[in-house]
PDB file of N, CA and C in Angstrom:
ATOM      1  N   MET A   1     -23.346   2.681 -10.308  1.00  0.00           N
ATOM      2  CA  MET A   1     -22.292   1.847  -9.736  1.00  0.00           C
ATOM      3  C   MET A   1     -22.291   2.009  -8.220  1.00  0.00           C
ATOM      4  N   GLY A   2     -22.297   0.916  -7.498  1.00  0.00           N
ATOM      5  CA  GLY A   2     -22.326   0.965  -6.040  1.00  0.00           C
ATOM      6  C   GLY A   2     -20.951   1.267  -5.456  1.00  0.00           C
ATOM      7  N   MET A   3     -20.941   1.369  -4.161  1.00  0.00           N
ATOM      8  CA  MET A   3     -19.715   1.636  -3.435  1.00  0.00           C
ATOM      9  C   MET A   3     -18.807   0.405  -3.522  1.00  0.00           C
ATOM     10  N   GLU A   4     -17.557   0.633  -3.815  1.00  0.00           N
ATOM     11  CA  GLU A   4     -16.618  -0.483  -3.909  1.00  0.00           C
ATOM     12  C   GLU A   4     -15.902  -0.621  -2.565  1.00  0.00           C
ATOM     13  N   TYR A   5     -15.959  -1.809  -1.985  1.00  0.00           N
ATOM     14  CA  TYR A   5     -15.278  -2.001  -0.708  1.00  0.00           C
ATOM     15  C   TYR A   5     -14.734  -3.419  -0.584  1.00  0.00           C
ATOM     16  N   THR A   6     -13.833  -3.573   0.371  1.00  0.00           N
ATOM     17  CA  THR A   6     -13.246  -4.875   0.679  1.00  0.00           C
ATOM     18  C   THR A   6     -13.253  -5.032   2.195  1.00  0.00           C
ATOM     19  N   ASP A   7     -13.644  -6.200   2.681  1.00  0.00           N
ATOM     20  CA  ASP A   7     -13.579  -6.504   4.114  1.00  0.00           C
ATOM     21  C   ASP A   7     -12.372  -7.394   4.371  1.00  0.00           C
ATOM     22  N   ILE A   8     -11.518  -6.964   5.297  1.00  0.00           N
ATOM     23  CA  ILE A   8     -10.383  -7.787   5.720  1.00  0.00           C
ATOM     24  C   ILE A   8     -10.683  -8.241   7.152  1.00  0.00           C
ATOM     25  N   PHE A   9     -10.593  -9.541   7.377  1.00  0.00           N
ATOM     26  CA  PHE A   9     -10.903 -10.110   8.693  1.00  0.00           C
ATOM     27  C   PHE A   9      -9.615 -10.308   9.481  1.00  0.00           C
ATOM     28  N   VAL A  10      -9.604  -9.799  10.702  1.00  0.00           N
ATOM     29  CA  VAL A  10      -8.403  -9.919  11.533  1.00  0.00           C
ATOM     30  C   VAL A  10      -8.776 -10.347  12.943  1.00  0.00           C
ATOM     31  N   ALA A  11      -7.824 -11.005  13.600  1.00  0.00           N
ATOM     32  CA  ALA A  11      -8.013 -11.428  14.984  1.00  0.00           C
ATOM     33  C   ALA A  11      -7.319 -10.413  15.883  1.00  0.00           C
ATOM     34  N   GLY A  12      -7.768 -10.340  17.114  1.00  0.00           N
ATOM     35  CA  GLY A  12      -7.102  -9.453  18.064  1.00  0.00           C
ATOM     36  C   GLY A  12      -8.070  -8.448  18.647  1.00  0.00           C
ATOM     37  N   SER A  13      -7.552  -7.641  19.562  1.00  0.00           N
ATOM     38  CA  SER A  13      -8.381  -6.634  20.218  1.00  0.00           C
ATOM     39  C   SER A  13      -8.507  -5.421  19.307  1.00  0.00           C
ATOM     40  N   THR A  14      -9.512  -4.622  19.551  1.00  0.00           N
ATOM     41  CA  THR A  14      -9.723  -3.408  18.759  1.00  0.00           C
ATOM     42  C   THR A  14      -8.490  -2.517  18.795  1.00  0.00           C
ATOM     43  N   GLY A  15      -7.916  -2.357  19.990  1.00  0.00           N
ATOM     44  CA  GLY A  15      -6.721  -1.514  20.142  1.00  0.00           C
ATOM     45  C   GLY A  15      -5.569  -1.991  19.274  1.00  0.00           C
ATOM     46  N   ASN A  16      -5.314  -3.304  19.295  1.00  0.00           N
ATOM     47  CA  ASN A  16      -4.230  -3.885  18.485  1.00  0.00           C
ATOM     48  C   ASN A  16      -4.489  -3.686  17.003  1.00  0.00           C
ATOM     49  N   VAL A  17      -5.740  -3.905  16.599  1.00  0.00           N
ATOM     50  CA  VAL A  17      -6.081  -3.792  15.188  1.00  0.00           C
ATOM     51  C   VAL A  17      -5.984  -2.339  14.737  1.00  0.00           C
ATOM     52  N   LYS A  18      -6.439  -1.400  15.584  1.00  0.00           N
ATOM     53  CA  LYS A  18      -6.340   0.025  15.241  1.00  0.00           C
ATOM     54  C   LYS A  18      -4.876   0.432  15.068  1.00  0.00           C
ATOM     55  N   GLN A  19      -4.026  -0.076  15.938  1.00  0.00           N
ATOM     56  CA  GLN A  19      -2.593   0.211  15.848  1.00  0.00           C
ATOM     57  C   GLN A  19      -2.012  -0.381  14.562  1.00  0.00           C
ATOM     58  N   ALA A  20      -2.425  -1.593  14.238  1.00  0.00           N
ATOM     59  CA  ALA A  20      -1.938  -2.257  13.025  1.00  0.00           C
ATOM     60  C   ALA A  20      -2.410  -1.503  11.779  1.00  0.00           C
ATOM     61  N   ILE A  21      -3.655  -1.017  11.799  1.00  0.00           N
ATOM     62  CA  ILE A  21      -4.182  -0.249  10.667  1.00  0.00           C
ATOM     63  C   ILE A  21      -3.345   1.010  10.471  1.00  0.00           C
ATOM     64  N   GLN A  22      -3.110   1.717  11.570  1.00  0.00           N
ATOM     65  CA  GLN A  22      -2.327   2.953  11.529  1.00  0.00           C
ATOM     66  C   GLN A  22      -0.948   2.673  10.930  1.00  0.00           C
ATOM     67  N   GLN A  23      -0.283   1.622  11.426  1.00  0.00           N
ATOM     68  CA  GLN A  23       1.061   1.284  10.947  1.00  0.00           C
ATOM     69  C   GLN A  23       1.033   0.875   9.475  1.00  0.00           C
ATOM     70  N   ALA A  24       0.039   0.092   9.092  1.00  0.00           N
ATOM     71  CA  ALA A  24      -0.038  -0.379   7.708  1.00  0.00           C
ATOM     72  C   ALA A  24      -0.272   0.786   6.747  1.00  0.00           C
ATOM     73  N   PHE A  25      -1.169   1.703   7.101  1.00  0.00           N
ATOM     74  CA  PHE A  25      -1.412   2.853   6.225  1.00  0.00           C
ATOM     75  C   PHE A  25      -0.178   3.763   6.166  1.00  0.00           C
ATOM     76  N   GLU A  26       0.434   4.004   7.319  1.00  0.00           N
ATOM     77  CA  GLU A  26       1.615   4.876   7.334  1.00  0.00           C
ATOM     78  C   GLU A  26       2.755   4.252   6.538  1.00  0.00           C
ATOM     79  N   TYR A  27       2.870   2.934   6.616  1.00  0.00           N
ATOM     80  CA  TYR A  27       3.886   2.218   5.843  1.00  0.00           C
ATOM     81  C   TYR A  27       3.667   2.454   4.346  1.00  0.00           C
ATOM     82  N   ASN A  28       2.398   2.581   3.951  1.00  0.00           N
ATOM     83  CA  ASN A  28       2.048   2.848   2.552  1.00  0.00           C
ATOM     84  C   ASN A  28       1.933   4.352   2.261  1.00  0.00           C
ATOM     85  N   LYS A  29       2.518   5.175   3.157  1.00  0.00           N
ATOM     86  CA  LYS A  29       2.607   6.637   2.985  1.00  0.00           C
ATOM     87  C   LYS A  29       1.258   7.347   2.972  1.00  0.00           C
ATOM     88  N   PHE A  30       0.316   6.832   3.748  1.00  0.00           N
ATOM     89  CA  PHE A  30      -0.977   7.486   3.911  1.00  0.00           C
ATOM     90  C   PHE A  30      -1.016   8.202   5.253  1.00  0.00           C
ATOM     91  N   THR A  31      -1.807   9.252   5.324  1.00  0.00           N
ATOM     92  CA  THR A  31      -2.088   9.947   6.586  1.00  0.00           C
ATOM     93  C   THR A  31      -3.483   9.517   7.009  1.00  0.00           C
ATOM     94  N   ILE A  32      -3.657   9.215   8.289  1.00  0.00           N
ATOM     95  CA  ILE A  32      -4.971   8.781   8.774  1.00  0.00           C
ATOM     96  C   ILE A  32      -5.671   9.922   9.490  1.00  0.00           C
ATOM     97  N   GLN A  33      -6.942  10.097   9.174  1.00  0.00           N
ATOM     98  CA  GLN A  33      -7.801  11.010   9.925  1.00  0.00           C
ATOM     99  C   GLN A  33      -8.897  10.167  10.554  1.00  0.00           C
ATOM    100  N   TRP A  34      -8.866  10.010  11.888  1.00  0.00           N
ATOM    101  CA  TRP A  34      -9.924   9.262  12.569  1.00  0.00           C
ATOM    102  C   TRP A  34     -11.142  10.161  12.661  1.00  0.00           C
ATOM    103  N   GLN A  35     -12.314   9.646  12.262  1.00  0.00           N
ATOM    104  CA  GLN A  35     -13.544  10.427  12.355  1.00  0.00           C
ATOM    105  C   GLN A  35     -14.384  10.002  13.549  1.00  0.00           C
ATOM    106  N   SER A  36     -14.106   8.814  14.039  1.00  0.00           N
ATOM    107  CA  SER A  36     -14.752   8.323  15.258  1.00  0.00           C
ATOM    108  C   SER A  36     -13.821   7.254  15.805  1.00  0.00           C
ATOM    109  N   GLU A  37     -14.235   6.588  16.855  1.00  0.00           N
ATOM    110  CA  GLU A  37     -13.370   5.565  17.454  1.00  0.00           C
ATOM    111  C   GLU A  37     -13.130   4.397  16.493  1.00  0.00           C
ATOM    112  N   PHE A  38     -14.089   4.159  15.595  1.00  0.00           N
ATOM    113  CA  PHE A  38     -13.998   2.977  14.732  1.00  0.00           C
ATOM    114  C   PHE A  38     -14.093   3.296  13.241  1.00  0.00           C
ATOM    115  N   ALA A  39     -13.843   4.539  12.867  1.00  0.00           N
ATOM    116  CA  ALA A  39     -13.932   4.899  11.449  1.00  0.00           C
ATOM    117  C   ALA A  39     -13.045   6.093  11.148  1.00  0.00           C
ATOM    118  N   GLY A  40     -12.615   6.143   9.899  1.00  0.00           N
ATOM    119  CA  GLY A  40     -11.794   7.266   9.485  1.00  0.00           C
ATOM    120  C   GLY A  40     -11.488   7.164   8.015  1.00  0.00           C
ATOM    121  N   LYS A  41     -10.498   7.960   7.598  1.00  0.00           N
ATOM    122  CA  LYS A  41     -10.076   7.863   6.211  1.00  0.00           C
ATOM    123  C   LYS A  41      -8.567   7.985   6.151  1.00  0.00           C
ATOM    124  N   ALA A  42      -8.020   7.331   5.146  1.00  0.00           N
ATOM    125  CA  ALA A  42      -6.583   7.377   4.894  1.00  0.00           C
ATOM    126  C   ALA A  42      -6.392   8.158   3.603  1.00  0.00           C
ATOM    127  N   ILE A  43      -5.484   9.127   3.644  1.00  0.00           N
ATOM    128  CA  ILE A  43      -5.307  10.037   2.510  1.00  0.00           C
ATOM    129  C   ILE A  43      -3.847  10.069   2.093  1.00  0.00           C
ATOM    130  N   ARG A  44      -3.640  10.107   0.797  1.00  0.00           N
ATOM    131  CA  ARG A  44      -2.296  10.277   0.265  1.00  0.00           C
ATOM    132  C   ARG A  44      -2.376  11.211  -0.934  1.00  0.00           C
ATOM    133  N   GLY A  45      -1.504  12.189  -0.983  1.00  0.00           N
ATOM    134  CA  GLY A  45      -1.480  13.116  -2.110  1.00  0.00           C
ATOM    135  C   GLY A  45      -2.310  14.352  -1.844  1.00  0.00           C
ATOM    136  N   SER A  46      -2.472  15.175  -2.868  1.00  0.00           N
ATOM    137  CA  SER A  46      -3.177  16.437  -2.750  1.00  0.00           C
ATOM    138  C   SER A  46      -4.288  16.523  -3.784  1.00  0.00           C
ATOM    139  N   LYS A  47      -5.483  16.878  -3.313  1.00  0.00           N
ATOM    140  CA  LYS A  47      -6.634  16.984  -4.212  1.00  0.00           C
ATOM    141  C   LYS A  47      -6.394  18.080  -5.252  1.00  0.00           C
ATOM    142  N   GLY A  48      -5.866  19.225  -4.814  1.00  0.00           N
ATOM    143  CA  GLY A  48      -5.609  20.341  -5.717  1.00  0.00           C
ATOM    144  C   GLY A  48      -4.629  19.969  -6.816  1.00  0.00           C
ATOM    145  N   ALA A  49      -3.538  19.311  -6.431  1.00  0.00           N
ATOM    146  CA  ALA A  49      -2.517  18.913  -7.413  1.00  0.00           C
ATOM    147  C   ALA A  49      -3.090  17.890  -8.390  1.00  0.00           C
ATOM    148  N   ASN A  50      -3.963  17.009  -7.898  1.00  0.00           N
ATOM    149  CA  ASN A  50      -4.543  15.989  -8.768  1.00  0.00           C
ATOM    150  C   ASN A  50      -5.373  16.649  -9.867  1.00  0.00           C
ATOM    151  N   ILE A  51      -6.156  17.657  -9.519  1.00  0.00           N
ATOM    152  CA  ILE A  51      -7.003  18.337 -10.497  1.00  0.00           C
ATOM    153  C   ILE A  51      -6.127  19.161 -11.450  1.00  0.00           C
ATOM    154  N   ALA A  52      -5.124  19.848 -10.894  1.00  0.00           N
ATOM    155  CA  ALA A  52      -4.264  20.703 -11.719  1.00  0.00           C
ATOM    156  C   ALA A  52      -3.376  19.888 -12.658  1.00  0.00           C
ATOM    157  N   LEU A  53      -2.818  18.796 -12.153  1.00  0.00           N
ATOM    158  CA  LEU A  53      -1.834  18.035 -12.917  1.00  0.00           C
ATOM    159  C   LEU A  53      -2.398  16.748 -13.520  1.00  0.00           C
ATOM    160  N   GLY A  54      -3.663  16.485 -13.284  1.00  0.00           N
ATOM    161  CA  GLY A  54      -4.289  15.306 -13.881  1.00  0.00           C
ATOM    162  C   GLY A  54      -3.694  14.012 -13.371  1.00  0.00           C
ATOM    163  N   ALA A  55      -3.457  13.082 -14.280  1.00  0.00           N
ATOM    164  CA  ALA A  55      -3.050  11.727 -13.912  1.00  0.00           C
ATOM    165  C   ALA A  55      -1.654  11.673 -13.296  1.00  0.00           C
ATOM    166  N   PHE A  56      -0.893  12.763 -13.393  1.00  0.00           N
ATOM    167  CA  PHE A  56       0.493  12.706 -12.908  1.00  0.00           C
ATOM    168  C   PHE A  56       0.608  12.867 -11.394  1.00  0.00           C
ATOM    169  N   ALA A  57      -0.351  13.548 -10.794  1.00  0.00           N
ATOM    170  CA  ALA A  57      -0.317  13.729  -9.338  1.00  0.00           C
ATOM    171  C   ALA A  57      -1.534  13.033  -8.765  1.00  0.00           C
ATOM    172  N   GLN A  58      -1.347  11.904  -8.149  1.00  0.00           N
ATOM    173  CA  GLN A  58      -2.507  11.139  -7.684  1.00  0.00           C
ATOM    174  C   GLN A  58      -2.900  11.489  -6.257  1.00  0.00           C
ATOM    175  N   TYR A  59      -4.196  11.606  -6.072  1.00  0.00           N
ATOM    176  CA  TYR A  59      -4.781  11.815  -4.750  1.00  0.00           C
ATOM    177  C   TYR A  59      -5.594  10.567  -4.448  1.00  0.00           C
ATOM    178  N   TYR A  60      -5.310   9.937  -3.317  1.00  0.00           N
ATOM    179  CA  TYR A  60      -6.047   8.733  -2.925  1.00  0.00           C
ATOM    180  C   TYR A  60      -6.710   8.968  -1.589  1.00  0.00           C
ATOM    181  N   GLU A  61      -7.914   8.492  -1.494  1.00  0.00           N
ATOM    182  CA  GLU A  61      -8.631   8.589  -0.235  1.00  0.00           C
ATOM    183  C   GLU A  61      -9.333   7.254  -0.050  1.00  0.00           C
ATOM    184  N   ILE A  62      -9.051   6.587   1.042  1.00  0.00           N
ATOM    185  CA  ILE A  62      -9.716   5.319   1.328  1.00  0.00           C
ATOM    186  C   ILE A  62     -10.362   5.453   2.691  1.00  0.00           C
ATOM    187  N   GLU A  63     -11.681   5.308   2.719  1.00  0.00           N
ATOM    188  CA  GLU A  63     -12.376   5.346   4.000  1.00  0.00           C
ATOM    189  C   GLU A  63     -12.315   3.954   4.608  1.00  0.00           C
ATOM    190  N   PHE A  64     -12.365   3.897   5.920  1.00  0.00           N
ATOM    191  CA  PHE A  64     -12.366   2.586   6.563  1.00  0.00           C
ATOM    192  C   PHE A  64     -13.247   2.580   7.797  1.00  0.00           C
ATOM    193  N   GLN A  65     -13.745   1.403   8.113  1.00  0.00           N
ATOM    194  CA  GLN A  65     -14.556   1.190   9.311  1.00  0.00           C
ATOM    195  C   GLN A  65     -14.069  -0.089   9.975  1.00  0.00           C
ATOM    196  N   ILE A  66     -14.117  -0.114  11.292  1.00  0.00           N
ATOM    197  CA  ILE A  66     -13.787  -1.335  12.028  1.00  0.00           C
ATOM    198  C   ILE A  66     -15.090  -1.851  12.628  1.00  0.00           C
ATOM    199  N   MET A  67     -15.412  -3.111  12.329  1.00  0.00           N
ATOM    200  CA  MET A  67     -16.645  -3.717  12.820  1.00  0.00           C
ATOM    201  C   MET A  67     -16.292  -5.078  13.437  1.00  0.00           C
ATOM    202  N   THR A  68     -17.257  -5.655  14.128  1.00  0.00           N
ATOM    203  CA  THR A  68     -17.048  -6.990  14.703  1.00  0.00           C
ATOM    204  C   THR A  68     -17.887  -7.985  13.919  1.00  0.00           C
ATOM    205  N   SER A  69     -17.271  -9.117  13.568  1.00  0.00           N
ATOM    206  CA  SER A  69     -18.022 -10.144  12.841  1.00  0.00           C
ATOM    207  C   SER A  69     -18.717 -11.051  13.855  1.00  0.00           C
ATOM    208  N   PRO A  70     -19.715 -11.829  13.412  1.00  0.00           N
ATOM    209  CA  PRO A  70     -20.428 -12.726  14.327  1.00  0.00           C
ATOM    210  C   PRO A  70     -19.497 -13.717  15.047  1.00  0.00           C
ATOM    211  N   ASP A  71     -18.372 -14.101  14.388  1.00  0.00           N
ATOM    212  CA  ASP A  71     -17.468 -15.058  15.042  1.00  0.00           C
ATOM    213  C   ASP A  71     -16.350 -14.340  15.816  1.00  0.00           C
ATOM    214  N   ASN A  72     -16.605 -13.084  16.187  1.00  0.00           N
ATOM    215  CA  ASN A  72     -15.704 -12.291  17.024  1.00  0.00           C
ATOM    216  C   ASN A  72     -14.359 -11.920  16.400  1.00  0.00           C
ATOM    217  N   PHE A  73     -14.277 -12.011  15.081  1.00  0.00           N
ATOM    218  CA  PHE A  73     -13.111 -11.413  14.428  1.00  0.00           C
ATOM    219  C   PHE A  73     -13.445  -9.941  14.233  1.00  0.00           C
ATOM    220  N   LEU A  74     -12.431  -9.150  13.982  1.00  0.00           N
ATOM    221  CA  LEU A  74     -12.685  -7.761  13.628  1.00  0.00           C
ATOM    222  C   LEU A  74     -12.663  -7.660  12.115  1.00  0.00           C
ATOM    223  N   ILE A  75     -13.508  -6.806  11.591  1.00  0.00           N
ATOM    224  CA  ILE A  75     -13.570  -6.590  10.152  1.00  0.00           C
ATOM    225  C   ILE A  75     -13.072  -5.176   9.885  1.00  0.00           C
ATOM    226  N   LEU A  76     -12.069  -5.081   9.044  1.00  0.00           N
ATOM    227  CA  LEU A  76     -11.630  -3.776   8.571  1.00  0.00           C
ATOM    228  C   LEU A  76     -12.245  -3.610   7.186  1.00  0.00           C
ATOM    229  N   ARG A  77     -13.214  -2.707   7.068  1.00  0.00           N
ATOM    230  CA  ARG A  77     -13.844  -2.459   5.767  1.00  0.00           C
ATOM    231  C   ARG A  77     -13.141  -1.272   5.121  1.00  0.00           C
ATOM    232  N   LEU A  78     -12.544  -1.512   3.959  1.00  0.00           N
ATOM    233  CA  LEU A  78     -11.892  -0.463   3.186  1.00  0.00           C
ATOM    234  C   LEU A  78     -12.843  -0.037   2.083  1.00  0.00           C
ATOM    235  N   ILE A  79     -13.095   1.252   1.984  1.00  0.00           N
ATOM    236  CA  ILE A  79     -14.043   1.764   1.006  1.00  0.00           C
ATOM    237  C   ILE A  79     -13.297   2.686   0.045  1.00  0.00           C
ATOM    238  N   LYS A  80     -13.346   2.344  -1.224  1.00  0.00           N
ATOM    239  CA  LYS A  80     -12.670   3.168  -2.228  1.00  0.00           C
ATOM    240  C   LYS A  80     -13.512   4.416  -2.447  1.00  0.00           C
ATOM    241  N   SER A  81     -13.057   5.560  -1.916  1.00  0.00           N
ATOM    242  CA  SER A  81     -13.901   6.750  -1.970  1.00  0.00           C
ATOM    243  C   SER A  81     -13.483   7.752  -3.031  1.00  0.00           C
ATOM    244  N   THR A  82     -12.396   7.489  -3.751  1.00  0.00           N
ATOM    245  CA  THR A  82     -12.080   8.350  -4.890  1.00  0.00           C
ATOM    246  C   THR A  82     -12.062   7.480  -6.138  1.00  0.00           C
ATOM    247  N   SER A  83     -12.600   8.011  -7.224  1.00  0.00           N
ATOM    248  CA  SER A  83     -12.644   7.243  -8.472  1.00  0.00           C
ATOM    249  C   SER A  83     -11.414   7.505  -9.318  1.00  0.00           C
ATOM    250  N   GLY A  84     -10.791   8.695  -9.131  1.00  0.00           N
ATOM    251  CA  GLY A  84      -9.645   9.042  -9.949  1.00  0.00           C
ATOM    252  C   GLY A  84     -10.015   9.687 -11.264  1.00  0.00           C
ATOM    253  N   TRP A  85     -11.334   9.847 -11.520  1.00  0.00           N
ATOM    254  CA  TRP A  85     -11.747  10.386 -12.822  1.00  0.00           C
ATOM    255  C   TRP A  85     -11.306  11.826 -13.045  1.00  0.00           C
ATOM    256  N   ALA A  86     -10.893  12.551 -11.956  1.00  0.00           N
ATOM    257  CA  ALA A  86     -10.349  13.903 -12.147  1.00  0.00           C
ATOM    258  C   ALA A  86      -9.092  13.825 -13.011  1.00  0.00           C
ATOM    259  N   GLY A  87      -8.426  12.684 -12.988  1.00  0.00           N
ATOM    260  CA  GLY A  87      -7.238  12.468 -13.808  1.00  0.00           C
ATOM    261  C   GLY A  87      -7.552  11.756 -15.116  1.00  0.00           C
ATOM    262  N   GLY A  88      -8.833  11.687 -15.502  1.00  0.00           N
ATOM    263  CA  GLY A  88      -9.227  11.021 -16.739  1.00  0.00           C
ATOM    264  C   GLY A  88      -9.177   9.504 -16.594  1.00  0.00           C
ATOM    265  N   ALA A  89      -9.267   8.803 -17.715  1.00  0.00           N
ATOM    266  CA  ALA A  89      -9.299   7.335 -17.704  1.00  0.00           C
ATOM    267  C   ALA A  89      -8.014   6.752 -17.113  1.00  0.00           C
ATOM    268  N   ILE A  90      -6.882   7.385 -17.403  1.00  0.00           N
ATOM    269  CA  ILE A  90      -5.606   6.895 -16.854  1.00  0.00           C
ATOM    270  C   ILE A  90      -5.631   7.035 -15.336  1.00  0.00           C
ATOM    271  N   GLY A  91      -6.107   8.170 -14.858  1.00  0.00           N
ATOM    272  CA  GLY A  91      -6.202   8.404 -13.411  1.00  0.00           C
ATOM    273  C   GLY A  91      -7.103   7.384 -12.742  1.00  0.00           C
ATOM    274  N   ALA A  92      -8.248   7.082 -13.375  1.00  0.00           N
ATOM    275  CA  ALA A  92      -9.192   6.118 -12.800  1.00  0.00           C
ATOM    276  C   ALA A  92      -8.557   4.731 -12.731  1.00  0.00           C
ATOM    277  N   HIS A  93      -7.815   4.357 -13.761  1.00  0.00           N
ATOM    278  CA  HIS A  93      -7.140   3.060 -13.777  1.00  0.00           C
ATOM    279  C   HIS A  93      -6.085   3.005 -12.664  1.00  0.00           C
ATOM    280  N   LYS A  94      -5.339   4.095 -12.504  1.00  0.00           N
ATOM    281  CA  LYS A  94      -4.301   4.147 -11.466  1.00  0.00           C
ATOM    282  C   LYS A  94      -4.901   3.997 -10.075  1.00  0.00           C
ATOM    283  N   VAL A  95      -6.044   4.673  -9.838  1.00  0.00           N
ATOM    284  CA  VAL A  95      -6.683   4.603  -8.528  1.00  0.00           C
ATOM    285  C   VAL A  95      -7.161   3.181  -8.251  1.00  0.00           C
ATOM    286  N   LYS A  96      -7.738   2.527  -9.262  1.00  0.00           N
ATOM    287  CA  LYS A  96      -8.204   1.142  -9.106  1.00  0.00           C
ATOM    288  C   LYS A  96      -7.019   0.235  -8.758  1.00  0.00           C
ATOM    289  N   LYS A  97      -5.908   0.427  -9.480  1.00  0.00           N
ATOM    290  CA  LYS A  97      -4.707  -0.363  -9.255  1.00  0.00           C
ATOM    291  C   LYS A  97      -4.137  -0.075  -7.853  1.00  0.00           C
ATOM    292  N   GLN A  98      -4.108   1.212  -7.489  1.00  0.00           N
ATOM    293  CA  GLN A  98      -3.586   1.611  -6.180  1.00  0.00           C
ATOM    294  C   GLN A  98      -4.440   1.015  -5.059  1.00  0.00           C
ATOM    295  N   TYR A  99      -5.770   1.037  -5.242  1.00  0.00           N
ATOM    296  CA  TYR A  99      -6.673   0.486  -4.234  1.00  0.00           C
ATOM    297  C   TYR A  99      -6.371  -1.001  -4.036  1.00  0.00           C
ATOM    298  N   ALA A 100      -6.203  -1.729  -5.141  1.00  0.00           N
ATOM    299  CA  ALA A 100      -5.885  -3.165  -5.070  1.00  0.00           C
ATOM    300  C   ALA A 100      -4.550  -3.370  -4.350  1.00  0.00           C
ATOM    301  N   GLU A 101      -3.577  -2.498  -4.619  1.00  0.00           N
ATOM    302  CA  GLU A 101      -2.276  -2.608  -3.952  1.00  0.00           C
ATOM    303  C   GLU A 101      -2.395  -2.343  -2.458  1.00  0.00           C
ATOM    304  N   ILE A 102      -3.235  -1.388  -2.080  1.00  0.00           N
ATOM    305  CA  ILE A 102      -3.426  -1.074  -0.662  1.00  0.00           C
ATOM    306  C   ILE A 102      -4.079  -2.259   0.047  1.00  0.00           C
ATOM    307  N   VAL A 103      -5.124  -2.836  -0.582  1.00  0.00           N
ATOM    308  CA  VAL A 103      -5.805  -3.999   0.009  1.00  0.00           C
ATOM    309  C   VAL A 103      -4.791  -5.130   0.193  1.00  0.00           C
ATOM    310  N   ASP A 104      -3.977  -5.392  -0.842  1.00  0.00           N
ATOM    311  CA  ASP A 104      -2.947  -6.436  -0.740  1.00  0.00           C
ATOM    312  C   ASP A 104      -1.921  -6.082   0.332  1.00  0.00           C
ATOM    313  N   GLY A 105      -1.515  -4.825   0.351  1.00  0.00           N
ATOM    314  CA  GLY A 105      -0.512  -4.378   1.321  1.00  0.00           C
ATOM    315  C   GLY A 105      -0.981  -4.547   2.749  1.00  0.00           C
ATOM    316  N   LEU A 106      -2.241  -4.163   3.013  1.00  0.00           N
ATOM    317  CA  LEU A 106      -2.794  -4.309   4.363  1.00  0.00           C
ATOM    318  C   LEU A 106      -2.946  -5.791   4.708  1.00  0.00           C
ATOM    319  N   SER A 107      -3.429  -6.586   3.738  1.00  0.00           N
ATOM    320  CA  SER A 107      -3.582  -8.030   3.975  1.00  0.00           C
ATOM    321  C   SER A 107      -2.224  -8.653   4.320  1.00  0.00           C
ATOM    322  N   ASN A 108      -1.200  -8.300   3.541  1.00  0.00           N
ATOM    323  CA  ASN A 108       0.149  -8.836   3.783  1.00  0.00           C
ATOM    324  C   ASN A 108       0.682  -8.384   5.136  1.00  0.00           C
ATOM    325  N   TYR A 109       0.418  -7.129   5.486  1.00  0.00           N
ATOM    326  CA  TYR A 109       0.880  -6.615   6.773  1.00  0.00           C
ATOM    327  C   TYR A 109       0.237  -7.415   7.911  1.00  0.00           C
ATOM    328  N   PHE A 110      -1.089  -7.638   7.828  1.00  0.00           N
ATOM    329  CA  PHE A 110      -1.774  -8.385   8.877  1.00  0.00           C
ATOM    330  C   PHE A 110      -1.293  -9.832   8.910  1.00  0.00           C
ATOM    331  N   GLN A 111      -0.979 -10.393   7.724  1.00  0.00           N
ATOM    332  CA  GLN A 111      -0.432 -11.761   7.684  1.00  0.00           C
ATOM    333  C   GLN A 111       0.908 -11.794   8.417  1.00  0.00           C
ATOM    334  N   SER A 112       1.737 -10.767   8.188  1.00  0.00           N
ATOM    335  CA  SER A 112       3.054 -10.739   8.837  1.00  0.00           C
ATOM    336  C   SER A 112       2.921 -10.599  10.354  1.00  0.00           C
ATOM    337  N   GLN A 113       1.799 -10.021  10.802  1.00  0.00           N
ATOM    338  CA  GLN A 113       1.536  -9.880  12.238  1.00  0.00           C
ATOM    339  C   GLN A 113       0.852 -11.130  12.812  1.00  0.00           C
ATOM    340  N   GLY A 114       0.496 -12.068  11.922  1.00  0.00           N
ATOM    341  CA  GLY A 114      -0.161 -13.307  12.365  1.00  0.00           C
ATOM    342  C   GLY A 114      -1.616 -13.136  12.761  1.00  0.00           C
ATOM    343  N   ILE A 115      -2.272 -12.047  12.300  1.00  0.00           N
ATOM    344  CA  ILE A 115      -3.662 -11.810  12.710  1.00  0.00           C
ATOM    345  C   ILE A 115      -4.638 -11.824  11.530  1.00  0.00           C
ATOM    346  N   TYR A 116      -4.139 -12.105  10.325  1.00  0.00           N
ATOM    347  CA  TYR A 116      -4.974 -12.079   9.121  1.00  0.00           C
ATOM    348  C   TYR A 116      -5.867 -13.324   9.068  1.00  0.00           C
ATOM    349  N   LYS A 117      -7.168 -13.113   8.797  1.00  0.00           N
ATOM    350  CA  LYS A 117      -8.105 -14.241   8.740  1.00  0.00           C
ATOM    351  C   LYS A 117      -8.878 -14.302   7.430  1.00  0.00           C
ATOM    352  N   GLY A 118      -8.396 -13.613   6.405  1.00  0.00           N
ATOM    353  CA  GLY A 118      -9.054 -13.667   5.099  1.00  0.00           C
ATOM    354  C   GLY A 118      -9.701 -12.344   4.731  1.00  0.00           C
ATOM    355  N   ARG A 119     -10.242 -12.297   3.509  1.00  0.00           N
ATOM    356  CA  ARG A 119     -10.913 -11.072   3.081  1.00  0.00           C
ATOM    357  C   ARG A 119     -12.004 -11.385   2.065  1.00  0.00           C
ATOM    358  N   ASN A 120     -12.890 -10.418   1.898  1.00  0.00           N
ATOM    359  CA  ASN A 120     -14.031 -10.572   1.011  1.00  0.00           C
ATOM    360  C   ASN A 120     -14.273  -9.254   0.294  1.00  0.00           C
ATOM    361  N   PRO A 121     -14.255  -9.177  -1.049  1.00  0.00           N
ATOM    362  CA  PRO A 121     -13.890 -10.280  -1.944  1.00  0.00           C
ATOM    363  C   PRO A 121     -12.420 -10.660  -1.789  1.00  0.00           C
ATOM    364  N   PRO A 122     -12.071 -11.949  -2.094  1.00  0.00           N
ATOM    365  CA  PRO A 122     -10.706 -12.438  -1.876  1.00  0.00           C
ATOM    366  C   PRO A 122      -9.659 -11.709  -2.718  1.00  0.00           C
TER     367      PRO A 122
END
């Protein structure tokens, strides 16, 4: 199975988009760790608790990259980096659902800011 990711297209400067990403993740109760100027990961929950408590304590980690598209939009690539299988099948389903909610949440946030230009897959 390949890496699962979603590209969200946004208008604006890198600085504005980085600020919007930070606000959108924090709004969804994630902590951001920037690994470079244009990449990082958003984390919510505890890895230890997820393993100890299984599906009841969820740990989410979403990696992201900011890139420029050929038509000068910015692309926020969200990469689902945890499968949730530490919590069994229920945990994996929850992570998939949570990832979809995060993608929708970020898309809605960018729409509310007037900078959303679509996403792939839709």
